[in-house]
Amino acid sequence: MRYSLVLAFLILLVGCDDAAETVPQVIRPIAWTAVESVDLAQVRRLSGTLKAARTASLSFEVGGKTATVAANLGDVVGKGALLAEIDDAPYQLNLNAARGALQEARAALHEAENSYRRQKQLFDKGWIAQAALDNAIATLDSARSNVNIAQAQFELAERDLTDTRLLAPYDGRITTRSIEPSQQVAAGQPVFEIEGQGGLEVSVMVPETIIQNVHDGQTFEVTFAGRDALTAQARVTEIGPRAQASNAFPITLALAGDYPSLRSGMSAEVNFTFEGRGRTGYTGKAMKVPITALLPGNDQDALVFVFDPDSGTVSRRSVQTENIIDNEVLISSGLEAGEIIATAGVAFLREGQKVRLFDTGVRQFNQ
């Protein structure tokens, strides 16, 4: 029994010696990025609506019953293409009547001219009084006026007959059709809407807080709902002089380039980016870092972990934040361009911890 107890004690001592051996230190890899210097900017993302740069509501200039509708919703038409016709029979009759009235007026003018010449000859010979000649002159002037009136009425009747045909004013696409065959339409009643092929525009309402920073000719980035990979540049072409709903001003921006996948009426977001002041009033260059690199500090400041390549350790540093743009933070003080900071898992780092850069040579940006 004594020998068994001694043997068990020796085994226990050997186990304790093994546990006391030093455990190798594990050097943690960190995701990282190099600090980048950028201009301090402010970004306001505002929603807008796409529309065609050229659009028109089409209507007949005369009324009547629809005889033909040649265009359908969504049709692509060329300039001068026939869209619809009104029954032209009544207008053809008006034109014939106007033509007859014009011929009658011209005949009366011819008779008045002959009468005047005869009266003038008689007056020159002293065979009639001045009053007779004056009457001939008045009749001639009246006949000339009647011809002018009849000519104008004939031209109006001719134009009315032409206006029974509705033609496309330019190349485009039919976006609205509100007319059917045999339908009675009035003059000026909208029956089609057409959008030209001259590009797209974005209409957006800009609040009064930033309208002073938007100027004619400025270019901003535009993104589109459901099309994450598609971005476009748009130039400011119109700025409304008066605020409308919610004290916002209407702004129009023209897209640069052609985008066949986009359609009028789609949603768009305009990134109004302009130089500005940070939340502390700072202006000038700023350091840009991912938002995942920050930890909350004391007194509403923020902390980052900066990597020292000589010692291979990280140290905590307080920084002053100014703005956040697209999940990236602009910092006015506390960092220098080119410094390396941890960008992920910073809550698990500690002051002076030895680390290694994950995938050295490849910068990881967590956005």
Protein backbone atom coordinates (compact mmCIF):
# COMPACT_ATOMS: atom_id res chain seq x y z
CA MET A 1 0.00 0.00 0.00
CA ARG A 2 2.83 2.44 0.87
CA TYR A 3 4.51 1.85 -2.47
CA SER A 4 1.23 2.51 -4.34
CA LEU A 5 0.77 5.88 -2.65
CA VAL A 6 4.32 6.95 -3.46
CA LEU A 7 3.88 5.96 -7.11
CA ALA A 8 0.65 7.97 -7.41
CA PHE A 9 2.33 11.01 -5.85
CA LEU A 10 5.20 10.86 -8.32
CA ILE A 11 2.81 10.64 -11.26
CA LEU A 12 0.95 13.73 -9.97
CA LEU A 13 4.20 15.69 -9.72
CA VAL A 14 5.11 14.83 -13.32
CA GLY A 15 1.69 16.02 -14.52
CA CYS A 16 2.11 19.34 -12.73
CA ASP A 17 5.52 19.88 -14.35
CA ASP A 18 3.99 19.31 -17.81
CA ALA A 19 1.17 21.83 -17.14
CA ALA A 20 3.70 24.39 -16.01
CA GLU A 21 5.40 24.41 -19.42
CA THR A 22 5.10 27.81 -21.30
CA VAL A 23 2.27 27.98 -23.88
CA PRO A 24 3.46 29.53 -27.19
CA GLN A 25 1.99 33.05 -27.80
CA VAL A 26 -0.52 33.23 -30.66
CA ILE A 27 -0.08 36.36 -32.82
CA ARG A 28 -3.49 37.43 -34.08
CA PRO A 29 -3.91 38.50 -37.72
CA ILE A 30 -5.87 41.73 -38.30
CA ALA A 31 -7.73 43.16 -41.29
CA TRP A 32 -6.15 46.51 -42.08
CA THR A 33 -6.01 49.49 -44.37
CA ALA A 34 -3.72 52.44 -44.96
CA VAL A 35 -5.20 55.82 -44.03
CA GLU A 36 -6.09 57.94 -47.07
CA SER A 37 -6.14 61.74 -47.25
CA VAL A 38 -9.16 63.27 -49.00
CA ASP A 39 -10.94 66.59 -49.27
CA LEU A 40 -13.56 67.11 -46.59
CA ALA A 41 -16.90 66.76 -48.31
CA GLN A 42 -20.58 66.62 -47.47
CA VAL A 43 -23.01 64.31 -49.22
CA ARG A 44 -26.80 64.50 -49.25
CA ARG A 45 -28.56 61.68 -51.09
CA LEU A 46 -31.94 62.81 -52.41
CA SER A 47 -34.54 60.80 -54.29
CA GLY A 48 -35.81 61.95 -57.66
CA THR A 49 -37.66 60.74 -60.74
CA LEU A 50 -36.41 60.11 -64.26
CA LYS A 51 -38.14 61.85 -67.13
CA ALA A 52 -37.47 62.35 -70.82
CA ALA A 53 -35.59 65.50 -71.77
CA ARG A 54 -38.19 66.09 -74.51
CA THR A 55 -41.83 65.31 -73.86
CA ALA A 56 -45.09 66.68 -75.24
CA SER A 57 -48.82 66.25 -74.84
CA LEU A 58 -50.42 65.99 -78.30
CA SER A 59 -53.94 67.04 -79.29
CA PHE A 60 -55.95 67.91 -82.39
CA GLU A 61 -56.43 71.59 -83.17
CA VAL A 62 -59.93 70.77 -84.45
CA GLY A 63 -62.69 68.62 -83.04
CA GLY A 64 -64.62 65.74 -84.53
CA LYS A 65 -65.08 61.98 -84.64
CA THR A 66 -61.95 59.84 -84.77
CA ALA A 67 -61.60 58.03 -88.07
CA THR A 68 -58.23 56.30 -87.63
CA VAL A 69 -55.82 55.62 -84.74
CA ALA A 70 -52.46 54.55 -86.17
CA ALA A 71 -50.24 54.57 -83.05
CA ASN A 72 -50.33 52.36 -79.98
CA LEU A 73 -48.91 52.70 -76.49
CA GLY A 74 -45.15 52.11 -76.50
CA ASP A 75 -44.73 52.53 -80.28
CA VAL A 76 -41.52 54.13 -81.50
CA VAL A 77 -42.43 56.69 -84.18
CA GLY A 78 -40.51 58.98 -86.46
CA LYS A 79 -41.00 62.68 -87.02
CA GLY A 80 -44.05 63.29 -89.21
CA ALA A 81 -45.54 59.82 -88.68
CA LEU A 82 -49.35 59.67 -88.71
CA LEU A 83 -50.74 59.06 -85.21
CA ALA A 84 -54.50 59.53 -85.72
CA GLU A 85 -57.07 61.10 -88.07
CA ILE A 86 -60.42 62.83 -87.57
CA ASP A 87 -63.28 62.39 -90.06
CA ASP A 88 -62.47 65.17 -92.53
CA ALA A 89 -65.80 65.26 -94.43
CA PRO A 90 -67.17 68.35 -92.63
CA TYR A 91 -63.88 70.17 -93.11
CA GLN A 92 -63.75 69.25 -96.78
CA LEU A 93 -67.21 70.82 -97.18
CA ASN A 94 -66.06 73.95 -95.36
CA LEU A 95 -63.06 74.17 -97.65
CA ASN A 96 -65.28 73.85 -100.74
CA ALA A 97 -67.59 76.58 -99.42
CA ALA A 98 -64.64 78.84 -98.66
CA ARG A 99 -63.25 78.24 -102.15
CA GLY A 100 -66.60 79.23 -103.71
CA ALA A 101 -66.81 82.37 -101.57
CA LEU A 102 -63.31 83.35 -102.62
CA GLN A 103 -64.14 82.91 -106.29
CA GLU A 104 -67.30 84.99 -105.85
CA ALA A 105 -65.36 87.77 -104.12
CA ARG A 106 -62.77 87.80 -106.86
CA ALA A 107 -65.51 88.09 -109.50
CA ALA A 108 -67.08 91.01 -107.62
CA LEU A 109 -63.67 92.67 -107.42
CA HIS A 110 -63.20 92.25 -111.17
CA GLU A 111 -66.59 93.89 -111.80
CA ALA A 112 -65.80 96.72 -109.37
CA GLU A 113 -62.48 97.37 -111.15
CA ASN A 114 -64.23 97.60 -114.55
CA SER A 115 -66.91 99.90 -113.12
CA TYR A 116 -64.25 102.15 -111.62
CA ARG A 117 -62.38 102.44 -114.94
CA ARG A 118 -65.57 103.42 -116.76
CA GLN A 119 -66.55 106.00 -114.13
CA LYS A 120 -63.03 107.41 -114.20
CA GLN A 121 -63.13 107.90 -117.96
CA LEU A 122 -66.51 109.61 -117.75
CA PHE A 123 -65.34 111.81 -114.90
CA ASP A 124 -62.22 112.84 -116.82
CA LYS A 125 -64.46 113.96 -119.71
CA GLY A 126 -66.66 115.90 -117.34
CA TRP A 127 -69.74 113.84 -118.02
CA ILE A 128 -70.39 112.71 -114.40
CA ALA A 129 -70.11 114.32 -110.99
CA GLN A 130 -67.43 113.67 -108.36
CA ALA A 131 -69.97 111.78 -106.22
CA ALA A 132 -70.41 109.10 -108.90
CA LEU A 133 -66.64 108.53 -109.03
CA ASP A 134 -66.44 108.38 -105.22
CA ASN A 135 -69.11 105.69 -105.19
CA ALA A 136 -67.12 103.63 -107.71
CA ILE A 137 -63.98 104.00 -105.58
CA ALA A 138 -65.82 102.90 -102.42
CA THR A 139 -67.26 99.87 -104.21
CA LEU A 140 -63.78 98.92 -105.43
CA ASP A 141 -62.28 99.21 -101.93
CA SER A 142 -65.09 97.08 -100.47
CA ALA A 143 -64.57 94.42 -103.14
CA ARG A 144 -60.85 94.26 -102.39
CA SER A 145 -61.57 93.87 -98.66
CA ASN A 146 -64.04 91.09 -99.38
CA VAL A 147 -61.42 89.24 -101.40
CA ASN A 148 -58.93 89.49 -98.53
CA ILE A 149 -61.52 88.17 -96.09
CA ALA A 150 -62.51 85.33 -98.40
CA GLN A 151 -58.83 84.45 -98.93
CA ALA A 152 -58.24 84.27 -95.16
CA GLN A 153 -61.34 82.10 -94.65
CA PHE A 154 -60.19 79.78 -97.42
CA GLU A 155 -56.73 79.42 -95.84
CA LEU A 156 -58.28 78.72 -92.42
CA ALA A 157 -60.54 76.05 -93.92
CA GLU A 158 -57.53 74.57 -95.69
CA ARG A 159 -55.54 74.49 -92.44
CA ASP A 160 -58.47 72.95 -90.53
CA LEU A 161 -58.60 70.16 -93.10
CA THR A 162 -54.85 69.55 -92.65
CA ASP A 163 -55.28 69.53 -88.84
CA THR A 164 -57.59 66.53 -89.05
CA ARG A 165 -54.33 64.52 -89.27
CA LEU A 166 -52.23 64.34 -86.07
CA LEU A 167 -48.52 63.84 -86.81
CA ALA A 168 -45.54 63.11 -84.54
CA PRO A 169 -43.59 66.33 -83.89
CA TYR A 170 -40.25 64.48 -83.54
CA ASP A 171 -38.74 61.02 -83.23
CA GLY A 172 -39.87 59.40 -80.00
CA ARG A 173 -41.94 56.84 -78.13
CA ILE A 174 -45.69 56.98 -77.38
CA THR A 175 -46.06 56.92 -73.58
CA THR A 176 -49.80 57.69 -73.28
CA ARG A 177 -52.74 56.97 -75.59
CA SER A 178 -56.21 58.18 -74.64
CA ILE A 179 -58.06 57.93 -77.94
CA GLU A 180 -60.03 55.19 -79.70
CA PRO A 181 -61.61 54.89 -83.18
CA SER A 182 -65.05 56.57 -83.52
CA GLN A 183 -64.42 58.56 -80.34
CA GLN A 184 -65.58 62.19 -80.31
CA VAL A 185 -62.69 64.46 -79.41
CA ALA A 186 -62.58 68.20 -78.81
CA ALA A 187 -59.99 70.65 -80.02
CA GLY A 188 -57.12 70.79 -77.53
CA GLN A 189 -58.08 67.53 -75.78
CA PRO A 190 -54.88 65.52 -75.02
CA VAL A 191 -54.93 62.23 -76.91
CA PHE A 192 -51.24 61.18 -76.93
CA GLU A 193 -48.06 61.84 -74.99
CA ILE A 194 -44.73 61.41 -76.70
CA GLU A 195 -41.22 61.31 -75.30
CA GLY A 196 -38.30 62.28 -77.49
CA GLN A 197 -35.10 60.30 -77.85
CA GLY A 198 -32.89 63.16 -76.73
CA GLY A 199 -31.81 61.72 -73.36
CA LEU A 200 -33.12 61.58 -69.80
CA GLU A 201 -33.35 64.04 -66.93
CA VAL A 202 -33.74 63.69 -63.17
CA SER A 203 -36.22 65.86 -61.29
CA VAL A 204 -35.44 66.21 -57.58
CA MET A 205 -36.53 68.49 -54.74
CA VAL A 206 -33.58 70.04 -52.89
CA PRO A 207 -34.12 71.36 -49.33
CA GLU A 208 -33.37 74.95 -48.49
CA THR A 209 -30.47 73.91 -46.25
CA ILE A 210 -28.28 72.94 -49.21
CA ILE A 211 -29.77 74.83 -52.17
CA GLN A 212 -27.12 77.54 -51.80
CA ASN A 213 -24.47 74.90 -52.56
CA VAL A 214 -26.06 73.81 -55.85
CA HIS A 215 -25.21 75.80 -58.98
CA ASP A 216 -26.03 75.58 -62.66
CA GLY A 217 -23.58 73.35 -64.53
CA GLN A 218 -22.45 71.29 -61.51
CA THR A 219 -22.15 67.53 -62.01
CA PHE A 220 -23.29 64.94 -59.46
CA GLU A 221 -23.45 61.14 -59.31
CA VAL A 222 -26.81 59.41 -59.81
CA THR A 223 -27.74 55.85 -58.82
CA PHE A 224 -30.86 53.88 -59.66
CA ALA A 225 -33.10 51.62 -57.57
CA GLY A 226 -32.60 47.94 -58.35
CA ARG A 227 -29.51 48.67 -60.45
CA ASP A 228 -26.66 48.70 -57.96
CA ALA A 229 -23.99 48.42 -60.65
CA LEU A 230 -25.34 51.33 -62.69
CA THR A 231 -24.24 54.87 -61.94
CA ALA A 232 -24.36 57.96 -64.10
CA GLN A 233 -23.18 61.54 -64.06
CA ALA A 234 -25.80 64.27 -64.29
CA ARG A 235 -25.38 68.00 -64.87
CA VAL A 236 -27.60 70.63 -63.26
CA THR A 237 -29.58 72.37 -66.02
CA GLU A 238 -32.44 74.04 -64.13
CA ILE A 239 -32.82 75.45 -60.61
CA GLY A 240 -36.27 76.56 -59.51
CA PRO A 241 -36.28 80.14 -58.18
CA ARG A 242 -39.10 79.52 -55.69
CA ALA A 243 -39.49 76.93 -52.92
CA GLN A 244 -42.40 74.53 -53.21
CA ALA A 245 -43.58 71.77 -50.86
CA SER A 246 -41.66 71.53 -47.56
CA ASN A 247 -39.51 74.52 -48.51
CA ALA A 248 -37.71 72.49 -51.19
CA PHE A 249 -36.60 73.79 -54.58
CA PRO A 250 -37.16 71.88 -57.86
CA ILE A 251 -33.91 70.94 -59.60
CA THR A 252 -33.41 69.31 -63.00
CA LEU A 253 -30.26 67.38 -63.92
CA ALA A 254 -29.47 66.02 -67.40
CA LEU A 255 -27.89 62.55 -67.59
CA ALA A 256 -24.67 62.32 -69.57
CA GLY A 257 -24.76 59.42 -72.03
CA ASP A 258 -27.36 56.92 -73.20
CA TYR A 259 -28.86 54.28 -70.89
CA PRO A 260 -31.17 51.93 -72.83
CA SER A 261 -32.24 50.08 -69.66
CA LEU A 262 -33.62 53.22 -68.03
CA ARG A 263 -37.17 54.45 -68.56
CA SER A 264 -39.03 57.62 -67.75
CA GLY A 265 -40.76 57.44 -64.37
CA MET A 266 -38.09 55.28 -62.71
CA SER A 267 -36.68 56.25 -59.32
CA ALA A 268 -33.21 57.75 -59.04
CA GLU A 269 -31.01 58.98 -56.20
CA VAL A 270 -28.74 61.99 -56.63
CA ASN A 271 -25.63 62.23 -54.46
CA PHE A 272 -25.19 65.95 -53.87
CA THR A 273 -21.51 66.11 -52.90
CA PHE A 274 -19.86 69.41 -52.15
CA GLU A 275 -17.04 70.85 -50.08
CA GLY A 276 -18.19 71.72 -46.61
CA ARG A 277 -17.48 71.98 -42.92
CA GLY A 278 -17.26 69.11 -40.52
CA ARG A 279 -19.47 68.89 -37.46
CA THR A 280 -16.80 70.73 -35.45
CA GLY A 281 -16.49 73.49 -38.07
CA TYR A 282 -13.29 72.03 -39.52
CA THR A 283 -12.42 72.68 -43.19
CA GLY A 284 -9.57 71.30 -45.30
CA LYS A 285 -8.04 67.86 -45.80
CA ALA A 286 -9.34 64.89 -43.81
CA MET A 287 -8.35 61.27 -43.28
CA LYS A 288 -10.78 58.65 -44.61
CA VAL A 289 -11.18 55.33 -42.75
CA PRO A 290 -13.84 52.57 -42.73
CA ILE A 291 -16.50 52.95 -40.07
CA THR A 292 -15.63 49.45 -38.82
CA ALA A 293 -12.23 50.76 -37.66
CA LEU A 294 -13.77 52.95 -34.92
CA LEU A 295 -14.51 52.31 -31.28
CA PRO A 296 -16.47 54.67 -29.03
CA GLY A 297 -14.23 56.63 -26.69
CA ASN A 298 -14.75 59.08 -23.85
CA ASP A 299 -16.42 62.50 -24.17
CA GLN A 300 -18.02 61.57 -27.53
CA ASP A 301 -14.66 61.04 -29.23
CA ALA A 302 -13.65 57.91 -31.16
CA LEU A 303 -10.75 55.47 -30.99
CA VAL A 304 -8.75 53.52 -33.57
CA PHE A 305 -5.99 50.94 -33.28
CA VAL A 306 -2.82 52.02 -35.13
CA PHE A 307 -0.27 49.40 -36.19
CA ASP A 308 3.45 49.97 -35.49
CA PRO A 309 5.45 48.04 -38.15
CA ASP A 310 8.65 48.20 -36.07
CA SER A 311 7.26 46.52 -32.97
CA GLY A 312 4.44 44.62 -34.66
CA THR A 313 1.94 45.89 -32.08
CA VAL A 314 -1.18 48.02 -32.09
CA SER A 315 -1.89 51.04 -29.91
CA ARG A 316 -5.13 52.82 -29.17
CA ARG A 317 -5.41 56.41 -30.45
CA SER A 318 -8.13 59.06 -30.06
CA VAL A 319 -9.37 60.72 -33.27
CA GLN A 320 -11.76 63.54 -34.15
CA THR A 321 -14.55 62.54 -36.53
CA GLU A 322 -16.28 65.03 -38.83
CA ASN A 323 -18.57 63.33 -41.36
CA ILE A 324 -19.70 59.87 -42.47
CA ILE A 325 -20.00 59.19 -46.22
CA ASP A 326 -20.88 55.75 -47.62
CA ASN A 327 -19.81 53.91 -44.44
CA GLU A 328 -16.51 55.76 -44.37
CA VAL A 329 -15.58 58.29 -41.69
CA LEU A 330 -13.75 61.55 -42.31
CA ILE A 331 -11.31 62.41 -39.51
CA SER A 332 -9.76 65.83 -38.94
CA SER A 333 -7.13 64.96 -36.32
CA GLY A 334 -5.40 61.98 -34.73
CA LEU A 335 -4.19 60.20 -37.88
CA GLU A 336 -1.70 60.78 -40.67
CA ALA A 337 -1.96 59.66 -44.29
CA GLY A 338 -0.32 56.28 -44.85
CA GLU A 339 -0.64 55.02 -41.28
CA ILE A 340 -1.97 51.47 -40.94
CA ILE A 341 -5.05 50.83 -38.80
CA ALA A 342 -7.10 47.78 -37.91
CA THR A 343 -10.44 47.65 -39.71
CA ALA A 344 -12.28 44.68 -38.18
CA GLY A 345 -12.66 43.10 -34.76
CA VAL A 346 -11.26 46.19 -33.03
CA ALA A 347 -13.39 45.54 -29.95
CA PHE A 348 -11.22 42.46 -29.25
CA LEU A 349 -7.86 44.26 -29.51
CA ARG A 350 -5.93 45.65 -26.55
CA GLU A 351 -3.22 48.23 -26.08
CA GLY A 352 0.23 46.95 -27.07
CA GLN A 353 -1.08 43.67 -28.44
CA LYS A 354 1.26 41.96 -30.87
CA VAL A 355 -0.45 41.31 -34.22
CA ARG A 356 0.34 40.54 -37.81
CA LEU A 357 -1.25 41.97 -40.94
CA PHE A 358 -3.71 39.65 -42.59
CA ASP A 359 -2.74 38.89 -46.22
CA THR A 360 0.23 41.22 -46.16
CA GLY A 361 0.52 43.07 -49.43
CA VAL A 362 -3.24 43.11 -50.01
CA ARG A 363 -5.14 45.97 -48.43
CA GLN A 364 -8.60 45.11 -47.21
CA PHE A 365 -11.22 47.79 -47.20
CA ASN A 366 -14.31 47.01 -45.16
CA GLN A 367 -17.06 49.21 -46.54
